[in-house]
Every structure is written in structure tokens, then in C-alpha cells.
PDB file of N, CA and C in Angstrom:
ATOM      1  N   MET A   1      -3.824  16.133  16.437  1.00  0.00           N
ATOM      2  CA  MET A   1      -2.896  16.280  15.851  1.00  0.00           C
ATOM      3  C   MET A   1      -3.221  15.026  14.685  1.00  0.00           C
ATOM      4  N   ILE A   2      -2.723  15.078  12.980  1.00  0.00           N
ATOM      5  CA  ILE A   2      -3.286  14.254  12.304  1.00  0.00           C
ATOM      6  C   ILE A   2      -2.184  13.442  11.482  1.00  0.00           C
ATOM      7  N   ASN A   3      -2.489  11.957  11.397  1.00  0.00           N
ATOM      8  CA  ASN A   3      -1.536  10.973  11.064  1.00  0.00           C
ATOM      9  C   ASN A   3      -2.282  10.679   9.817  1.00  0.00           C
ATOM     10  N   GLN A   4      -2.081  10.961   8.603  1.00  0.00           N
ATOM     11  CA  GLN A   4      -3.021  10.620   7.506  1.00  0.00           C
ATOM     12  C   GLN A   4      -2.432  10.748   6.203  1.00  0.00           C
ATOM     13  N   VAL A   5      -2.287   9.590   5.354  1.00  0.00           N
ATOM     14  CA  VAL A   5      -2.092   9.574   3.986  1.00  0.00           C
ATOM     15  C   VAL A   5      -2.822   9.327   2.739  1.00  0.00           C
ATOM     16  N   THR A   6      -2.850   9.680   1.882  1.00  0.00           N
ATOM     17  CA  THR A   6      -3.920   9.525   0.932  1.00  0.00           C
ATOM     18  C   THR A   6      -2.570   9.053  -0.324  1.00  0.00           C
ATOM     19  N   LEU A   7      -2.912   7.486  -0.830  1.00  0.00           N
ATOM     20  CA  LEU A   7      -2.206   7.452  -1.917  1.00  0.00           C
ATOM     21  C   LEU A   7      -2.866   6.635  -3.003  1.00  0.00           C
ATOM     22  N   ILE A   8      -2.907   6.826  -4.453  1.00  0.00           N
ATOM     23  CA  ILE A   8      -3.039   6.501  -5.558  1.00  0.00           C
ATOM     24  C   ILE A   8      -2.064   5.704  -6.417  1.00  0.00           C
ATOM     25  N   GLY A   9      -1.844   4.401  -6.861  1.00  0.00           N
ATOM     26  CA  GLY A   9      -0.861   3.774  -7.529  1.00  0.00           C
ATOM     27  C   GLY A   9      -1.233   2.780  -7.703  1.00  0.00           C
ATOM     28  N   ASN A  10      -0.249   1.966  -8.443  1.00  0.00           N
ATOM     29  CA  ASN A  10      -0.438   0.352  -8.678  1.00  0.00           C
ATOM     30  C   ASN A  10       0.356  -0.693  -7.774  1.00  0.00           C
ATOM     31  N   LEU A  11      -0.372  -1.913  -8.037  1.00  0.00           N
ATOM     32  CA  LEU A  11       0.363  -2.807  -7.099  1.00  0.00           C
ATOM     33  C   LEU A  11       1.493  -3.520  -7.745  1.00  0.00           C
ATOM     34  N   GLY A  12       2.467  -3.522  -7.017  1.00  0.00           N
ATOM     35  CA  GLY A  12       3.483  -4.297  -7.521  1.00  0.00           C
ATOM     36  C   GLY A  12       3.865  -5.473  -7.670  1.00  0.00           C
ATOM     37  N   ARG A  13       2.778  -6.322  -6.602  1.00  0.00           N
ATOM     38  CA  ARG A  13       2.596  -7.967  -6.954  1.00  0.00           C
ATOM     39  C   ARG A  13       1.005  -8.231  -6.551  1.00  0.00           C
ATOM     40  N   ASP A  14       0.744  -9.355  -6.132  1.00  0.00           N
ATOM     41  CA  ASP A  14      -0.753  -9.875  -5.901  1.00  0.00           C
ATOM     42  C   ASP A  14      -0.359  -9.613  -4.147  1.00  0.00           C
ATOM     43  N   PRO A  15      -1.683  -9.423  -3.573  1.00  0.00           N
ATOM     44  CA  PRO A  15      -1.463  -9.125  -2.241  1.00  0.00           C
ATOM     45  C   PRO A  15      -0.975 -10.624  -1.598  1.00  0.00           C
ATOM     46  N   GLU A  16      -0.508 -10.398  -0.398  1.00  0.00           N
ATOM     47  CA  GLU A  16       0.018 -11.649   0.326  1.00  0.00           C
ATOM     48  C   GLU A  16      -0.910 -11.520   1.814  1.00  0.00           C
ATOM     49  N   SER A  17      -1.510 -12.532   2.195  1.00  0.00           N
ATOM     50  CA  SER A  17      -2.282 -12.703   3.314  1.00  0.00           C
ATOM     51  C   SER A  17      -1.953 -14.080   4.022  1.00  0.00           C
ATOM     52  N   TRP A  18      -2.187 -13.721   5.199  1.00  0.00           N
ATOM     53  CA  TRP A  18      -2.133 -14.717   6.506  1.00  0.00           C
ATOM     54  C   TRP A  18      -2.747 -14.290   7.643  1.00  0.00           C
ATOM     55  N   GLN A  19      -2.834 -15.119   8.472  1.00  0.00           N
ATOM     56  CA  GLN A  19      -3.609 -15.295   9.243  1.00  0.00           C
ATOM     57  C   GLN A  19      -2.557 -15.132  10.666  1.00  0.00           C
ATOM     58  N   THR A  20      -2.718 -13.825  11.328  1.00  0.00           N
ATOM     59  CA  THR A  20      -2.108 -13.826  12.723  1.00  0.00           C
ATOM     60  C   THR A  20      -2.851 -14.407  13.931  1.00  0.00           C
ATOM     61  N   ASN A  21      -2.496 -14.030  15.414  1.00  0.00           N
ATOM     62  CA  ASN A  21      -2.916 -14.625  16.226  1.00  0.00           C
ATOM     63  C   ASN A  21      -4.646 -14.641  16.484  1.00  0.00           C
ATOM     64  N   ASP A  22      -5.132 -13.197  16.193  1.00  0.00           N
ATOM     65  CA  ASP A  22      -6.635 -12.965  16.060  1.00  0.00           C
ATOM     66  C   ASP A  22      -7.083 -12.094  14.879  1.00  0.00           C
ATOM     67  N   LYS A  23      -6.047 -12.080  13.845  1.00  0.00           N
ATOM     68  CA  LYS A  23      -6.748 -11.210  12.971  1.00  0.00           C
ATOM     69  C   LYS A  23      -6.136 -11.480  11.520  1.00  0.00           C
ATOM     70  N   MET A  24      -6.924 -11.305  10.728  1.00  0.00           N
ATOM     71  CA  MET A  24      -6.091 -11.622   9.266  1.00  0.00           C
ATOM     72  C   MET A  24      -5.328 -10.430   8.765  1.00  0.00           C
ATOM     73  N   LEU A  25      -4.226 -10.305   7.998  1.00  0.00           N
ATOM     74  CA  LEU A  25      -3.210  -9.252   7.924  1.00  0.00           C
ATOM     75  C   LEU A  25      -3.306  -9.693   6.174  1.00  0.00           C
ATOM     76  N   CYS A  26      -3.168  -8.374   5.218  1.00  0.00           N
ATOM     77  CA  CYS A  26      -3.346  -8.548   4.082  1.00  0.00           C
ATOM     78  C   CYS A  26      -2.129  -7.330   3.619  1.00  0.00           C
ATOM     79  N   LYS A  27      -0.766  -7.674   3.264  1.00  0.00           N
ATOM     80  CA  LYS A  27       0.194  -7.032   2.627  1.00  0.00           C
ATOM     81  C   LYS A  27       0.069  -7.043   1.257  1.00  0.00           C
ATOM     82  N   LEU A  28       0.336  -5.401   0.892  1.00  0.00           N
ATOM     83  CA  LEU A  28       0.497  -5.166  -0.389  1.00  0.00           C
ATOM     84  C   LEU A  28       1.634  -4.054  -0.564  1.00  0.00           C
ATOM     85  N   SER A  29       2.214  -4.465  -1.597  1.00  0.00           N
ATOM     86  CA  SER A  29       3.297  -3.451  -2.449  1.00  0.00           C
ATOM     87  C   SER A  29       2.719  -2.318  -3.589  1.00  0.00           C
ATOM     88  N   LEU A  30       2.640  -1.138  -2.837  1.00  0.00           N
ATOM     89  CA  LEU A  30       2.495  -0.276  -3.852  1.00  0.00           C
ATOM     90  C   LEU A  30       3.337   0.776  -4.564  1.00  0.00           C
ATOM     91  N   ALA A  31       3.057   0.943  -5.967  1.00  0.00           N
ATOM     92  CA  ALA A  31       4.117   1.905  -6.560  1.00  0.00           C
ATOM     93  C   ALA A  31       3.214   3.275  -6.758  1.00  0.00           C
ATOM     94  N   THR A  32       3.829   4.199  -6.188  1.00  0.00           N
ATOM     95  CA  THR A  32       3.164   5.681  -6.570  1.00  0.00           C
ATOM     96  C   THR A  32       4.274   6.494  -7.827  1.00  0.00           C
ATOM     97  N   ASN A  33       3.990   6.975  -8.824  1.00  0.00           N
ATOM     98  CA  ASN A  33       4.564   7.993  -9.666  1.00  0.00           C
ATOM     99  C   ASN A  33       5.078   9.339  -9.441  1.00  0.00           C
ATOM    100  N   GLU A  34       5.671   9.849  -9.669  1.00  0.00           N
ATOM    101  CA  GLU A  34       5.761  11.592  -9.786  1.00  0.00           C
ATOM    102  C   GLU A  34       6.662  11.683 -10.677  1.00  0.00           C
ATOM    103  N   ASN A  35       6.207  12.474 -11.798  1.00  0.00           N
ATOM    104  CA  ASN A  35       6.403  13.208 -13.097  1.00  0.00           C
ATOM    105  C   ASN A  35       6.903  14.202 -12.966  1.00  0.00           C
ATOM    106  N   TYR A  36       8.304  14.517 -13.846  1.00  0.00           N
ATOM    107  CA  TYR A  36       8.935  15.932 -13.505  1.00  0.00           C
ATOM    108  C   TYR A  36      10.081  16.357 -14.646  1.00  0.00           C
ATOM    109  N   LYS A  37      10.287  17.285 -14.909  1.00  0.00           N
ATOM    110  CA  LYS A  37      10.960  17.790 -15.719  1.00  0.00           C
ATOM    111  C   LYS A  37      12.705  17.793 -15.219  1.00  0.00           C
ATOM    112  N   ASP A  38      13.498  17.206 -15.847  1.00  0.00           N
ATOM    113  CA  ASP A  38      14.813  17.708 -15.203  1.00  0.00           C
ATOM    114  C   ASP A  38      15.544  18.960 -16.009  1.00  0.00           C
ATOM    115  N   LYS A  39      16.814  18.980 -15.808  1.00  0.00           N
ATOM    116  CA  LYS A  39      17.261  20.003 -15.701  1.00  0.00           C
ATOM    117  C   LYS A  39      17.534  20.673 -17.519  1.00  0.00           C
ATOM    118  N   ASN A  40      17.489  19.501 -17.932  1.00  0.00           N
ATOM    119  CA  ASN A  40      17.561  19.400 -19.687  1.00  0.00           C
ATOM    120  C   ASN A  40      16.281  19.518 -20.267  1.00  0.00           C
ATOM    121  N   ASP A  41      15.304  19.719 -19.378  1.00  0.00           N
ATOM    122  CA  ASP A  41      13.662  20.152 -19.919  1.00  0.00           C
ATOM    123  C   ASP A  41      13.260  18.421 -20.289  1.00  0.00           C
ATOM    124  N   VAL A  42      13.651  17.450 -19.802  1.00  0.00           N
ATOM    125  CA  VAL A  42      13.259  16.360 -20.220  1.00  0.00           C
ATOM    126  C   VAL A  42      12.425  15.315 -19.246  1.00  0.00           C
ATOM    127  N   TRP A  43      11.213  14.903 -19.442  1.00  0.00           N
ATOM    128  CA  TRP A  43      10.431  14.713 -18.661  1.00  0.00           C
ATOM    129  C   TRP A  43      10.769  13.023 -17.990  1.00  0.00           C
ATOM    130  N   GLN A  44      11.263  13.143 -16.769  1.00  0.00           N
ATOM    131  CA  GLN A  44      11.082  11.932 -16.045  1.00  0.00           C
ATOM    132  C   GLN A  44      10.428  11.546 -15.099  1.00  0.00           C
ATOM    133  N   THR A  45      10.474  10.109 -14.248  1.00  0.00           N
ATOM    134  CA  THR A  45       9.575   9.329 -13.417  1.00  0.00           C
ATOM    135  C   THR A  45      10.299   9.171 -12.524  1.00  0.00           C
ATOM    136  N   SER A  46       9.873   9.302 -11.186  1.00  0.00           N
ATOM    137  CA  SER A  46      10.479   8.889 -10.013  1.00  0.00           C
ATOM    138  C   SER A  46       9.343   7.924  -9.121  1.00  0.00           C
ATOM    139  N   THR A  47       9.518   6.919  -9.134  1.00  0.00           N
ATOM    140  CA  THR A  47       8.765   6.080  -8.572  1.00  0.00           C
ATOM    141  C   THR A  47       8.996   5.811  -6.932  1.00  0.00           C
ATOM    142  N   GLN A  48       7.968   5.552  -5.974  1.00  0.00           N
ATOM    143  CA  GLN A  48       8.475   5.263  -4.866  1.00  0.00           C
ATOM    144  C   GLN A  48       7.579   4.181  -4.500  1.00  0.00           C
ATOM    145  N   TRP A  49       8.022   3.264  -3.706  1.00  0.00           N
ATOM    146  CA  TRP A  49       7.770   2.066  -3.096  1.00  0.00           C
ATOM    147  C   TRP A  49       6.806   2.224  -1.727  1.00  0.00           C
ATOM    148  N   HIS A  50       5.622   1.534  -1.313  1.00  0.00           N
ATOM    149  CA  HIS A  50       4.994   1.571  -0.233  1.00  0.00           C
ATOM    150  C   HIS A  50       4.533   0.168   0.055  1.00  0.00           C
ATOM    151  N   THR A  51       4.898   0.078   1.145  1.00  0.00           N
ATOM    152  CA  THR A  51       4.157  -1.250   1.951  1.00  0.00           C
ATOM    153  C   THR A  51       2.913  -0.975   2.535  1.00  0.00           C
ATOM    154  N   VAL A  52       1.502  -1.279   2.234  1.00  0.00           N
ATOM    155  CA  VAL A  52       0.329  -1.291   2.958  1.00  0.00           C
ATOM    156  C   VAL A  52      -0.319  -2.508   3.457  1.00  0.00           C
ATOM    157  N   GLU A  53      -0.329  -2.521   4.960  1.00  0.00           N
ATOM    158  CA  GLU A  53      -1.259  -3.231   5.658  1.00  0.00           C
ATOM    159  C   GLU A  53      -2.576  -3.073   5.968  1.00  0.00           C
ATOM    160  N   ILE A  54      -3.470  -4.237   5.666  1.00  0.00           N
ATOM    161  CA  ILE A  54      -4.582  -4.016   5.693  1.00  0.00           C
ATOM    162  C   ILE A  54      -5.147  -5.046   6.677  1.00  0.00           C
ATOM    163  N   TRP A  55      -5.784  -4.646   7.651  1.00  0.00           N
ATOM    164  CA  TRP A  55      -6.187  -5.973   9.062  1.00  0.00           C
ATOM    165  C   TRP A  55      -7.615  -6.225   8.569  1.00  0.00           C
ATOM    166  N   GLY A  56      -7.764  -7.432   9.528  1.00  0.00           N
ATOM    167  CA  GLY A  56      -9.159  -8.156   9.956  1.00  0.00           C
ATOM    168  C   GLY A  56     -10.045  -8.342   8.609  1.00  0.00           C
ATOM    169  N   GLN A  57     -11.258  -8.123   8.199  1.00  0.00           N
ATOM    170  CA  GLN A  57     -12.071  -8.749   7.298  1.00  0.00           C
ATOM    171  C   GLN A  57     -11.721  -7.666   6.168  1.00  0.00           C
ATOM    172  N   ALA A  58     -11.259  -6.917   6.233  1.00  0.00           N
ATOM    173  CA  ALA A  58     -10.852  -6.207   5.039  1.00  0.00           C
ATOM    174  C   ALA A  58     -10.041  -6.749   4.521  1.00  0.00           C
ATOM    175  N   ALA A  59      -8.954  -7.356   4.941  1.00  0.00           N
ATOM    176  CA  ALA A  59      -7.836  -7.810   4.481  1.00  0.00           C
ATOM    177  C   ALA A  59      -8.441  -9.201   3.533  1.00  0.00           C
ATOM    178  N   ALA A  60      -9.227 -10.176   4.008  1.00  0.00           N
ATOM    179  CA  ALA A  60      -9.718 -11.049   3.133  1.00  0.00           C
ATOM    180  C   ALA A  60     -10.611 -10.189   1.928  1.00  0.00           C
ATOM    181  N   LEU A  61     -11.434  -9.358   2.016  1.00  0.00           N
ATOM    182  CA  LEU A  61     -11.869  -8.756   0.728  1.00  0.00           C
ATOM    183  C   LEU A  61     -10.731  -8.130  -0.394  1.00  0.00           C
ATOM    184  N   ALA A  62      -9.731  -7.532   0.615  1.00  0.00           N
ATOM    185  CA  ALA A  62      -8.377  -7.106  -0.652  1.00  0.00           C
ATOM    186  C   ALA A  62      -7.682  -7.897  -1.197  1.00  0.00           C
ATOM    187  N   GLU A  63      -7.663  -9.263  -0.561  1.00  0.00           N
ATOM    188  CA  GLU A  63      -7.163 -10.573  -1.474  1.00  0.00           C
ATOM    189  C   GLU A  63      -8.049 -11.067  -2.422  1.00  0.00           C
ATOM    190  N   ARG A  64      -9.228 -11.095  -2.506  1.00  0.00           N
ATOM    191  CA  ARG A  64     -10.050 -11.669  -3.326  1.00  0.00           C
ATOM    192  C   ARG A  64     -10.166 -10.578  -4.551  1.00  0.00           C
ATOM    193  N   MET A  65      -9.644  -9.092  -4.297  1.00  0.00           N
ATOM    194  CA  MET A  65     -10.477  -8.241  -5.211  1.00  0.00           C
ATOM    195  C   MET A  65      -9.003  -7.502  -5.964  1.00  0.00           C
ATOM    196  N   MET A  66      -7.841  -7.645  -5.198  1.00  0.00           N
ATOM    197  CA  MET A  66      -6.787  -6.874  -5.906  1.00  0.00           C
ATOM    198  C   MET A  66      -5.707  -7.954  -6.282  1.00  0.00           C
ATOM    199  N   ARG A  67      -5.340  -7.219  -7.510  1.00  0.00           N
ATOM    200  CA  ARG A  67      -4.416  -8.095  -8.330  1.00  0.00           C
ATOM    201  C   ARG A  67      -3.016  -7.299  -8.452  1.00  0.00           C
ATOM    202  N   LYS A  68      -1.516  -7.714  -9.210  1.00  0.00           N
ATOM    203  CA  LYS A  68      -0.645  -7.179  -9.522  1.00  0.00           C
ATOM    204  C   LYS A  68      -1.218  -6.288 -10.637  1.00  0.00           C
ATOM    205  N   GLY A  69      -0.452  -4.795 -10.950  1.00  0.00           N
ATOM    206  CA  GLY A  69      -0.710  -4.064 -11.745  1.00  0.00           C
ATOM    207  C   GLY A  69      -2.008  -3.272 -11.645  1.00  0.00           C
ATOM    208  N   GLN A  70      -2.747  -3.472 -10.755  1.00  0.00           N
ATOM    209  CA  GLN A  70      -4.189  -2.872 -10.450  1.00  0.00           C
ATOM    210  C   GLN A  70      -4.101  -1.765  -9.952  1.00  0.00           C
ATOM    211  N   LEU A  71      -4.594  -0.614 -10.452  1.00  0.00           N
ATOM    212  CA  LEU A  71      -4.926   0.629  -9.684  1.00  0.00           C
ATOM    213  C   LEU A  71      -5.643   0.765  -8.517  1.00  0.00           C
ATOM    214  N   VAL A  72      -4.986   1.413  -7.421  1.00  0.00           N
ATOM    215  CA  VAL A  72      -5.514   1.717  -6.388  1.00  0.00           C
ATOM    216  C   VAL A  72      -5.673   2.696  -5.661  1.00  0.00           C
ATOM    217  N   TYR A  73      -6.490   2.875  -4.799  1.00  0.00           N
ATOM    218  CA  TYR A  73      -6.706   4.318  -3.967  1.00  0.00           C
ATOM    219  C   TYR A  73      -6.833   3.979  -2.974  1.00  0.00           C
ATOM    220  N   ILE A  74      -5.959   4.397  -1.667  1.00  0.00           N
ATOM    221  CA  ILE A  74      -5.571   4.258  -0.483  1.00  0.00           C
ATOM    222  C   ILE A  74      -5.683   5.040   0.391  1.00  0.00           C
ATOM    223  N   THR A  75      -6.016   5.286   1.859  1.00  0.00           N
ATOM    224  CA  THR A  75      -6.037   6.020   2.390  1.00  0.00           C
ATOM    225  C   THR A  75      -5.658   5.104   4.083  1.00  0.00           C
ATOM    226  N   GLY A  76      -5.091   6.139   4.962  1.00  0.00           N
ATOM    227  CA  GLY A  76      -4.296   5.489   5.900  1.00  0.00           C
ATOM    228  C   GLY A  76      -3.638   6.205   6.607  1.00  0.00           C
ATOM    229  N   SER A  77      -2.738   5.664   7.902  1.00  0.00           N
ATOM    230  CA  SER A  77      -1.995   6.551   8.624  1.00  0.00           C
ATOM    231  C   SER A  77      -0.547   5.455   8.178  1.00  0.00           C
ATOM    232  N   ILE A  78       0.882   6.534   8.470  1.00  0.00           N
ATOM    233  CA  ILE A  78       2.169   5.755   8.499  1.00  0.00           C
ATOM    234  C   ILE A  78       2.155   5.669   9.945  1.00  0.00           C
ATOM    235  N   LYS A  79       3.258   4.240   9.856  1.00  0.00           N
ATOM    236  CA  LYS A  79       3.495   3.876  11.218  1.00  0.00           C
ATOM    237  C   LYS A  79       5.376   3.500  10.850  1.00  0.00           C
ATOM    238  N   TYR A  80       6.267   3.576  11.700  1.00  0.00           N
ATOM    239  CA  TYR A  80       7.499   4.134  11.472  1.00  0.00           C
ATOM    240  C   TYR A  80       7.604   2.882  12.511  1.00  0.00           C
ATOM    241  N   SER A  81       8.788   2.102  12.606  1.00  0.00           N
ATOM    242  CA  SER A  81       8.921   0.885  13.570  1.00  0.00           C
ATOM    243  C   SER A  81      10.762   0.672  13.443  1.00  0.00           C
ATOM    244  N   LYS A  82      11.069   0.349  14.298  1.00  0.00           N
ATOM    245  CA  LYS A  82      12.513  -0.079  14.198  1.00  0.00           C
ATOM    246  C   LYS A  82      12.843  -1.646  14.587  1.00  0.00           C
ATOM    247  N   TYR A  83      13.584  -2.558  14.226  1.00  0.00           N
ATOM    248  CA  TYR A  83      13.785  -3.831  14.826  1.00  0.00           C
ATOM    249  C   TYR A  83      15.344  -4.084  14.571  1.00  0.00           C
ATOM    250  N   GLU A  84      15.678  -4.924  15.420  1.00  0.00           N
ATOM    251  CA  GLU A  84      17.172  -5.738  15.383  1.00  0.00           C
ATOM    252  C   GLU A  84      17.145  -6.845  14.651  1.00  0.00           C
ATOM    253  N   ASN A  85      17.822  -7.249  13.608  1.00  0.00           N
ATOM    254  CA  ASN A  85      17.897  -8.504  12.271  1.00  0.00           C
ATOM    255  C   ASN A  85      18.562  -9.395  13.168  1.00  0.00           C
ATOM    256  N   ASP A  86      19.045 -10.406  12.490  1.00  0.00           N
ATOM    257  CA  ASP A  86      19.712 -11.526  13.286  1.00  0.00           C
ATOM    258  C   ASP A  86      20.854 -11.268  13.408  1.00  0.00           C
ATOM    259  N   ALA A  87      21.557 -10.288  12.220  1.00  0.00           N
ATOM    260  CA  ALA A  87      23.120 -10.295  12.751  1.00  0.00           C
ATOM    261  C   ALA A  87      23.187  -9.193  13.473  1.00  0.00           C
ATOM    262  N   GLY A  88      22.163  -8.757  14.180  1.00  0.00           N
ATOM    263  CA  GLY A  88      22.249  -7.344  15.172  1.00  0.00           C
ATOM    264  C   GLY A  88      22.392  -6.092  14.918  1.00  0.00           C
ATOM    265  N   GLU A  89      21.920  -5.646  13.637  1.00  0.00           N
ATOM    266  CA  GLU A  89      21.637  -4.372  12.791  1.00  0.00           C
ATOM    267  C   GLU A  89      20.470  -4.033  13.095  1.00  0.00           C
ATOM    268  N   ILE A  90      20.470  -2.756  13.591  1.00  0.00           N
ATOM    269  CA  ILE A  90      19.185  -1.761  13.398  1.00  0.00           C
ATOM    270  C   ILE A  90      18.359  -1.781  12.364  1.00  0.00           C
ATOM    271  N   LYS A  91      17.469  -1.775  11.671  1.00  0.00           N
ATOM    272  CA  LYS A  91      16.596  -1.777  10.596  1.00  0.00           C
ATOM    273  C   LYS A  91      15.451  -0.870  11.110  1.00  0.00           C
ATOM    274  N   TYR A  92      15.120   0.081  10.215  1.00  0.00           N
ATOM    275  CA  TYR A  92      13.532   1.139  10.168  1.00  0.00           C
ATOM    276  C   TYR A  92      12.967   0.327   9.106  1.00  0.00           C
ATOM    277  N   LYS A  93      11.540   0.365   9.539  1.00  0.00           N
ATOM    278  CA  LYS A  93      10.523  -0.152   8.584  1.00  0.00           C
ATOM    279  C   LYS A  93       9.371   1.046   8.687  1.00  0.00           C
ATOM    280  N   THR A  94       9.102   1.702   7.287  1.00  0.00           N
ATOM    281  CA  THR A  94       7.651   2.559   7.345  1.00  0.00           C
ATOM    282  C   THR A  94       6.759   1.528   6.777  1.00  0.00           C
ATOM    283  N   VAL A  95       5.443   1.575   7.048  1.00  0.00           N
ATOM    284  CA  VAL A  95       4.508   0.912   6.722  1.00  0.00           C
ATOM    285  C   VAL A  95       3.022   1.635   6.707  1.00  0.00           C
ATOM    286  N   ILE A  96       2.218   1.867   5.746  1.00  0.00           N
ATOM    287  CA  ILE A  96       0.974   2.444   5.923  1.00  0.00           C
ATOM    288  C   ILE A  96      -0.123   1.431   6.110  1.00  0.00           C
ATOM    289  N   VAL A  97      -0.937   1.758   7.110  1.00  0.00           N
ATOM    290  CA  VAL A  97      -1.606   1.400   7.619  1.00  0.00           C
ATOM    291  C   VAL A  97      -3.149   1.271   6.849  1.00  0.00           C
ATOM    292  N   CYS A  98      -3.924   0.686   6.461  1.00  0.00           N
ATOM    293  CA  CYS A  98      -4.556   1.366   5.302  1.00  0.00           C
ATOM    294  C   CYS A  98      -6.209   1.438   6.419  1.00  0.00           C
ATOM    295  N   GLN A  99      -7.030   2.483   6.164  1.00  0.00           N
ATOM    296  CA  GLN A  99      -8.238   2.691   6.730  1.00  0.00           C
ATOM    297  C   GLN A  99      -9.212   2.564   5.670  1.00  0.00           C
ATOM    298  N   THR A 100      -9.094   2.964   4.404  1.00  0.00           N
ATOM    299  CA  THR A 100     -10.060   2.825   3.511  1.00  0.00           C
ATOM    300  C   THR A 100      -9.251   2.650   2.292  1.00  0.00           C
ATOM    301  N   PHE A 101      -9.689   1.510   1.139  1.00  0.00           N
ATOM    302  CA  PHE A 101      -9.400   1.452  -0.230  1.00  0.00           C
ATOM    303  C   PHE A 101     -10.508   1.328  -1.148  1.00  0.00           C
ATOM    304  N   LYS A 102      -9.977   1.641  -2.597  1.00  0.00           N
ATOM    305  CA  LYS A 102     -10.998   1.434  -3.584  1.00  0.00           C
ATOM    306  C   LYS A 102      -9.954   1.143  -4.735  1.00  0.00           C
ATOM    307  N   THR A 103     -10.652  -0.140  -5.643  1.00  0.00           N
ATOM    308  CA  THR A 103     -10.100  -0.143  -6.994  1.00  0.00           C
ATOM    309  C   THR A 103     -10.723   0.767  -7.642  1.00  0.00           C
ATOM    310  N   LEU A 104      -9.741   0.960  -8.553  1.00  0.00           N
ATOM    311  CA  LEU A 104      -9.984   2.220  -9.670  1.00  0.00           C
ATOM    312  C   LEU A 104     -10.146   1.689 -10.970  1.00  0.00           C
ATOM    313  N   GLU A 105     -10.871   1.120 -11.426  1.00  0.00           N
ATOM    314  CA  GLU A 105     -10.999   0.162 -13.016  1.00  0.00           C
ATOM    315  C   GLU A 105     -12.480   0.970 -13.332  1.00  0.00           C
ATOM    316  N   ALA A 106     -12.246   1.185 -14.477  1.00  0.00           N
ATOM    317  CA  ALA A 106     -13.007   1.949 -15.303  1.00  0.00           C
ATOM    318  C   ALA A 106     -14.162   0.672 -16.096  1.00  0.00           C
ATOM    319  N   LYS A 107     -14.095  -0.356 -16.537  1.00  0.00           N
ATOM    320  CA  LYS A 107     -14.945  -1.550 -16.710  1.00  0.00           C
ATOM    321  C   LYS A 107     -15.359  -2.237 -15.838  1.00  0.00           C
ATOM    322  N   ARG A 108     -14.959  -2.499 -14.565  1.00  0.00           N
ATOM    323  CA  ARG A 108     -15.536  -3.198 -13.834  1.00  0.00           C
ATOM    324  C   ARG A 108     -16.178  -2.179 -12.479  1.00  0.00           C
ATOM    325  N   GLU A 109     -17.191  -2.966 -11.691  1.00  0.00           N
ATOM    326  CA  GLU A 109     -17.961  -2.249 -10.708  1.00  0.00           C
ATOM    327  C   GLU A 109     -16.599  -2.048  -9.832  1.00  0.00           C
ATOM    328  N   VAL A 110     -16.676  -0.977  -9.077  1.00  0.00           N
ATOM    329  CA  VAL A 110     -15.621  -0.751  -8.385  1.00  0.00           C
ATOM    330  C   VAL A 110     -16.401  -0.864  -7.090  1.00  0.00           C
ATOM    331  N   GLU A 111     -15.667  -1.566  -5.899  1.00  0.00           N
ATOM    332  CA  GLU A 111     -15.739  -1.777  -4.529  1.00  0.00           C
ATOM    333  C   GLU A 111     -14.825  -1.348  -3.902  1.00  0.00           C
ATOM    334  N   GLU A 112     -15.800  -0.401  -2.394  1.00  0.00           N
ATOM    335  CA  GLU A 112     -15.325   0.364  -1.778  1.00  0.00           C
ATOM    336  C   GLU A 112     -15.203  -0.544  -0.223  1.00  0.00           C
ATOM    337  N   LEU A 113     -14.562  -0.124   0.616  1.00  0.00           N
ATOM    338  CA  LEU A 113     -14.654  -0.715   1.960  1.00  0.00           C
ATOM    339  C   LEU A 113     -14.149   0.334   2.994  1.00  0.00           C
ATOM    340  N   ALA A 114     -14.531   0.857   4.178  1.00  0.00           N
ATOM    341  CA  ALA A 114     -14.283   1.562   4.956  1.00  0.00           C
ATOM    342  C   ALA A 114     -14.533   0.820   6.154  1.00  0.00           C
ATOM    343  N   TYR A 115     -13.496   1.032   7.032  1.00  0.00           N
ATOM    344  CA  TYR A 115     -13.603   0.347   8.465  1.00  0.00           C
ATOM    345  C   TYR A 115     -13.103   1.123   9.769  1.00  0.00           C
TER     346      TYR A 115
END
């Protein structure tokens, strides 16, 4: 079975990183766009927002090299979870667990990491 996703999009904010019990975690907010023509033949853009988690040594690298608005390429797997909030409501969460990433910038040297 395969659980694989590839995304190319822009960061919605600077990465947020912190240390968990044994590993560093970096969270990204990634926007991907789909352009299409509506029924009136007018171009529209649909934006989807993705939460991306990067773990371990890669998290520290991502925090150093990524900034809001930057175009990035990410591969990973989809993780679904549910939890109960303080009000007792069941909430659902979808996260992309990053396996590789690359910044996509023409003017700077591009760094790549695979782990």
C-alpha cells in the first residue's frame, strides 16, 4: 500500500519549531492553488491549506532556510487523527508528515534534504 503526497506551494507563515520529548518538530502552513474556469468562462483560483510536520534534524534545517511566502516542494505521507477538545467535542486533523523538502528559488542555491 502507498501513502504518498507531493505538494508544491507557498508558506503561509514562518515555520514554527519546538523541542518535543526526544525530537525537534517544525510545523509549516502550506498553500497550494488550483486554477480553473468557472461556468462563465472566468478564471478562478481555489486555495487549499495544508499543515506540514517536519521532524528531527530536518526540522532545524527547515526552520533556518524557510520563510513566509517562499515556494517549497514537499513529499510525505498523510496522517489523520482525531481528538477531544476541552469542550468535549470530537475534532479531526489532517497533517502531512514530511519525508523530503526542497526550496524552489531561482536566485539562491537550493538546498535539499531527504531522511
